[in-house]
Amino acid sequence: MIIVFKASLIGILSLLTCVMVQEILYGKEMMPLSRDRILDSLISLVLAHITK
């Protein structure tokens, strides 16, 4: 249960970081990231932590 919580926390922080870079720091103009790519990376990150 603790591993799932840590993976969820890492996922939420990763998503917040991405939003901050894209929206607040104007990252969309320099290097736009698609929402699907961000979510796929986030899901693989969470699943990697769960399977360990």
PDB file of N, CA and C in Angstrom:
ATOM      1  N   MET A   1       0.820  -1.197   0.000  1.00  0.00           N
ATOM      2  CA  MET A   1       0.000   0.000   0.000  1.00  0.00           C
ATOM      3  C   MET A   1       0.862   1.258   0.000  1.00  0.00           C
ATOM      4  N   ILE A   2       1.956   1.230   0.731  1.00  0.00           N
ATOM      5  CA  ILE A   2       2.838   2.397   0.791  1.00  0.00           C
ATOM      6  C   ILE A   2       3.484   2.653  -0.562  1.00  0.00           C
ATOM      7  N   ILE A   3       3.829   1.591  -1.283  1.00  0.00           N
ATOM      8  CA  ILE A   3       4.459   1.747  -2.592  1.00  0.00           C
ATOM      9  C   ILE A   3       3.498   2.414  -3.568  1.00  0.00           C
ATOM     10  N   VAL A   4       2.233   2.020  -3.520  1.00  0.00           N
ATOM     11  CA  VAL A   4       1.229   2.629  -4.395  1.00  0.00           C
ATOM     12  C   VAL A   4       1.068   4.103  -4.056  1.00  0.00           C
ATOM     13  N   PHE A   5       1.066   4.443  -2.776  1.00  0.00           N
ATOM     14  CA  PHE A   5       0.943   5.843  -2.371  1.00  0.00           C
ATOM     15  C   PHE A   5       2.139   6.655  -2.862  1.00  0.00           C
ATOM     16  N   LYS A   6       3.352   6.106  -2.719  1.00  0.00           N
ATOM     17  CA  LYS A   6       4.539   6.815  -3.187  1.00  0.00           C
ATOM     18  C   LYS A   6       4.501   7.011  -4.693  1.00  0.00           C
ATOM     19  N   ALA A   7       4.078   5.981  -5.417  1.00  0.00           N
ATOM     20  CA  ALA A   7       3.988   6.091  -6.876  1.00  0.00           C
ATOM     21  C   ALA A   7       2.956   7.142  -7.274  1.00  0.00           C
ATOM     22  N   SER A   8       1.838   7.179  -6.561  1.00  0.00           N
ATOM     23  CA  SER A   8       0.815   8.187  -6.845  1.00  0.00           C
ATOM     24  C   SER A   8       1.337   9.588  -6.559  1.00  0.00           C
ATOM     25  N   LEU A   9       2.069   9.736  -5.472  1.00  0.00           N
ATOM     26  CA  LEU A   9       2.629  11.035  -5.118  1.00  0.00           C
ATOM     27  C   LEU A   9       3.650  11.484  -6.161  1.00  0.00           C
ATOM     28  N   ILE A  10       4.489  10.568  -6.606  1.00  0.00           N
ATOM     29  CA  ILE A  10       5.472  10.888  -7.646  1.00  0.00           C
ATOM     30  C   ILE A  10       4.753  11.302  -8.925  1.00  0.00           C
ATOM     31  N   GLY A  11       3.686  10.613  -9.262  1.00  0.00           N
ATOM     32  CA  GLY A  11       2.920  10.942 -10.463  1.00  0.00           C
ATOM     33  C   GLY A  11       2.295  12.322 -10.387  1.00  0.00           C
ATOM     34  N   ILE A  12       1.730  12.637  -9.250  1.00  0.00           N
ATOM     35  CA  ILE A  12       1.101  13.951  -9.077  1.00  0.00           C
ATOM     36  C   ILE A  12       2.143  15.059  -9.153  1.00  0.00           C
ATOM     37  N   LEU A  13       3.281  14.851  -8.501  1.00  0.00           N
ATOM     38  CA  LEU A  13       4.338  15.865  -8.544  1.00  0.00           C
ATOM     39  C   LEU A  13       4.904  16.021  -9.952  1.00  0.00           C
ATOM     40  N   SER A  14       5.021  14.925 -10.679  1.00  0.00           N
ATOM     41  CA  SER A  14       5.504  14.997 -12.062  1.00  0.00           C
ATOM     42  C   SER A  14       4.537  15.776 -12.933  1.00  0.00           C
ATOM     43  N   LEU A  15       3.256  15.521 -12.746  1.00  0.00           N
ATOM     44  CA  LEU A  15       2.250  16.225 -13.522  1.00  0.00           C
ATOM     45  C   LEU A  15       2.240  17.715 -13.191  1.00  0.00           C
ATOM     46  N   LEU A  16       2.363  18.049 -11.917  1.00  0.00           N
ATOM     47  CA  LEU A  16       2.418  19.462 -11.526  1.00  0.00           C
ATOM     48  C   LEU A  16       3.647  20.155 -12.099  1.00  0.00           C
ATOM     49  N   THR A  17       4.781  19.463 -12.092  1.00  0.00           N
ATOM     50  CA  THR A  17       5.997  20.035 -12.658  1.00  0.00           C
ATOM     51  C   THR A  17       5.832  20.300 -14.141  1.00  0.00           C
ATOM     52  N   CYS A  18       5.229  19.353 -14.833  1.00  0.00           N
ATOM     53  CA  CYS A  18       5.011  19.527 -16.272  1.00  0.00           C
ATOM     54  C   CYS A  18       4.091  20.710 -16.547  1.00  0.00           C
ATOM     55  N   VAL A  19       3.029  20.840 -15.779  1.00  0.00           N
ATOM     56  CA  VAL A  19       2.107  21.956 -15.966  1.00  0.00           C
ATOM     57  C   VAL A  19       2.812  23.278 -15.677  1.00  0.00           C
ATOM     58  N   MET A  20       3.630  23.299 -14.637  1.00  0.00           N
ATOM     59  CA  MET A  20       4.356  24.530 -14.315  1.00  0.00           C
ATOM     60  C   MET A  20       5.288  24.928 -15.452  1.00  0.00           C
ATOM     61  N   VAL A  21       6.026  23.978 -15.982  1.00  0.00           N
ATOM     62  CA  VAL A  21       6.963  24.290 -17.061  1.00  0.00           C
ATOM     63  C   VAL A  21       6.218  24.733 -18.316  1.00  0.00           C
ATOM     64  N   GLN A  22       5.144  24.032 -18.651  1.00  0.00           N
ATOM     65  CA  GLN A  22       4.406  24.336 -19.877  1.00  0.00           C
ATOM     66  C   GLN A  22       3.610  25.641 -19.782  1.00  0.00           C
ATOM     67  N   GLU A  23       2.975  25.885 -18.667  1.00  0.00           N
ATOM     68  CA  GLU A  23       2.079  27.033 -18.550  1.00  0.00           C
ATOM     69  C   GLU A  23       2.739  28.271 -17.942  1.00  0.00           C
ATOM     70  N   ILE A  24       3.380  28.106 -16.807  1.00  0.00           N
ATOM     71  CA  ILE A  24       3.907  29.254 -16.076  1.00  0.00           C
ATOM     72  C   ILE A  24       5.213  29.752 -16.684  1.00  0.00           C
ATOM     73  N   LEU A  25       6.087  28.833 -17.078  1.00  0.00           N
ATOM     74  CA  LEU A  25       7.400  29.217 -17.611  1.00  0.00           C
ATOM     75  C   LEU A  25       7.416  29.294 -19.135  1.00  0.00           C
ATOM     76  N   TYR A  26       6.246  29.294 -19.762  1.00  0.00           N
ATOM     77  CA  TYR A  26       6.092  29.435 -21.212  1.00  0.00           C
ATOM     78  C   TYR A  26       6.854  28.361 -21.990  1.00  0.00           C
ATOM     79  N   GLY A  27       6.789  27.139 -21.515  1.00  0.00           N
ATOM     80  CA  GLY A  27       7.449  26.036 -22.203  1.00  0.00           C
ATOM     81  C   GLY A  27       6.732  25.612 -23.467  1.00  0.00           C
ATOM     82  N   LYS A  28       5.457  25.995 -23.603  1.00  0.00           N
ATOM     83  CA  LYS A  28       4.701  25.606 -24.803  1.00  0.00           C
ATOM     84  C   LYS A  28       5.288  26.212 -26.063  1.00  0.00           C
ATOM     85  N   GLU A  29       5.813  27.411 -25.951  1.00  0.00           N
ATOM     86  CA  GLU A  29       6.367  28.063 -27.126  1.00  0.00           C
ATOM     87  C   GLU A  29       7.701  27.440 -27.549  1.00  0.00           C
ATOM     88  N   MET A  30       8.488  26.982 -26.577  1.00  0.00           N
ATOM     89  CA  MET A  30       9.809  26.431 -26.884  1.00  0.00           C
ATOM     90  C   MET A  30       9.767  24.951 -27.224  1.00  0.00           C
ATOM     91  N   MET A  31       9.038  24.175 -26.430  1.00  0.00           N
ATOM     92  CA  MET A  31       8.988  22.729 -26.644  1.00  0.00           C
ATOM     93  C   MET A  31       7.619  22.205 -26.213  1.00  0.00           C
ATOM     94  N   PRO A  32       6.654  22.244 -27.103  1.00  0.00           N
ATOM     95  CA  PRO A  32       5.324  21.782 -26.722  1.00  0.00           C
ATOM     96  C   PRO A  32       5.301  20.266 -26.514  1.00  0.00           C
ATOM     97  N   LEU A  33       4.597  19.820 -25.488  1.00  0.00           N
ATOM     98  CA  LEU A  33       4.431  18.401 -25.199  1.00  0.00           C
ATOM     99  C   LEU A  33       2.951  18.061 -25.309  1.00  0.00           C
ATOM    100  N   SER A  34       2.668  16.951 -25.950  1.00  0.00           N
ATOM    101  CA  SER A  34       1.269  16.550 -26.067  1.00  0.00           C
ATOM    102  C   SER A  34       0.798  15.930 -24.755  1.00  0.00           C
ATOM    103  N   ARG A  35      -0.470  16.071 -24.491  1.00  0.00           N
ATOM    104  CA  ARG A  35      -1.033  15.543 -23.259  1.00  0.00           C
ATOM    105  C   ARG A  35      -0.937  14.021 -23.215  1.00  0.00           C
ATOM    106  N   ASP A  36      -1.107  13.373 -24.368  1.00  0.00           N
ATOM    107  CA  ASP A  36      -1.014  11.912 -24.412  1.00  0.00           C
ATOM    108  C   ASP A  36       0.378  11.433 -24.048  1.00  0.00           C
ATOM    109  N   ARG A  37       1.383  12.116 -24.527  1.00  0.00           N
ATOM    110  CA  ARG A  37       2.760  11.713 -24.226  1.00  0.00           C
ATOM    111  C   ARG A  37       3.071  11.877 -22.738  1.00  0.00           C
ATOM    112  N   ILE A  38       2.585  12.945 -22.143  1.00  0.00           N
ATOM    113  CA  ILE A  38       2.798  13.169 -20.716  1.00  0.00           C
ATOM    114  C   ILE A  38       2.113  12.084 -19.895  1.00  0.00           C
ATOM    115  N   LEU A  39       0.872  11.770 -20.246  1.00  0.00           N
ATOM    116  CA  LEU A  39       0.135  10.752 -19.499  1.00  0.00           C
ATOM    117  C   LEU A  39       0.745   9.367 -19.675  1.00  0.00           C
ATOM    118  N   ASP A  40       1.208   9.035 -20.887  1.00  0.00           N
ATOM    119  CA  ASP A  40       1.862   7.742 -21.098  1.00  0.00           C
ATOM    120  C   ASP A  40       3.121   7.621 -20.254  1.00  0.00           C
ATOM    121  N   SER A  41       3.908   8.673 -20.198  1.00  0.00           N
ATOM    122  CA  SER A  41       5.117   8.655 -19.384  1.00  0.00           C
ATOM    123  C   SER A  41       4.781   8.524 -17.908  1.00  0.00           C
ATOM    124  N   LEU A  42       3.752   9.208 -17.483  1.00  0.00           N
ATOM    125  CA  LEU A  42       3.342   9.158 -16.087  1.00  0.00           C
ATOM    126  C   LEU A  42       2.831   7.773 -15.702  1.00  0.00           C
ATOM    127  N   ILE A  43       2.053   7.157 -16.569  1.00  0.00           N
ATOM    128  CA  ILE A  43       1.539   5.813 -16.304  1.00  0.00           C
ATOM    129  C   ILE A  43       2.671   4.806 -16.238  1.00  0.00           C
ATOM    130  N   SER A  44       3.621   4.897 -17.151  1.00  0.00           N
ATOM    131  CA  SER A  44       4.748   3.960 -17.125  1.00  0.00           C
ATOM    132  C   SER A  44       5.601   4.164 -15.878  1.00  0.00           C
ATOM    133  N   LEU A  45       5.736   5.397 -15.426  1.00  0.00           N
ATOM    134  CA  LEU A  45       6.479   5.672 -14.203  1.00  0.00           C
ATOM    135  C   LEU A  45       5.799   5.047 -12.986  1.00  0.00           C
ATOM    136  N   VAL A  46       4.495   5.210 -12.894  1.00  0.00           N
ATOM    137  CA  VAL A  46       3.749   4.648 -11.767  1.00  0.00           C
ATOM    138  C   VAL A  46       3.784   3.126 -11.812  1.00  0.00           C
ATOM    139  N   LEU A  47       3.602   2.546 -12.976  1.00  0.00           N
ATOM    140  CA  LEU A  47       3.621   1.083 -13.088  1.00  0.00           C
ATOM    141  C   LEU A  47       4.992   0.503 -12.783  1.00  0.00           C
ATOM    142  N   ALA A  48       6.045   1.220 -13.125  1.00  0.00           N
ATOM    143  CA  ALA A  48       7.398   0.749 -12.819  1.00  0.00           C
ATOM    144  C   ALA A  48       7.622   0.696 -11.316  1.00  0.00           C
ATOM    145  N   HIS A  49       7.070   1.647 -10.593  1.00  0.00           N
ATOM    146  CA  HIS A  49       7.223   1.672  -9.139  1.00  0.00           C
ATOM    147  C   HIS A  49       6.361   0.611  -8.456  1.00  0.00           C
ATOM    148  N   ILE A  50       5.234   0.306  -9.037  1.00  0.00           N
ATOM    149  CA  ILE A  50       4.336  -0.692  -8.452  1.00  0.00           C
ATOM    150  C   ILE A  50       4.900  -2.096  -8.626  1.00  0.00           C
ATOM    151  N   THR A  51       5.498  -2.386  -9.773  1.00  0.00           N
ATOM    152  CA  THR A  51       5.981  -3.735 -10.049  1.00  0.00           C
ATOM    153  C   THR A  51       7.274  -4.069  -9.321  1.00  0.00           C
ATOM    154  N   LYS A  52       7.977  -3.075  -8.778  1.00  0.00           N
ATOM    155  CA  LYS A  52       9.224  -3.353  -8.066  1.00  0.00           C
ATOM    156  C   LYS A  52       8.994  -3.996  -6.734  1.00  0.00           C
TER     157      LYS A  52
END
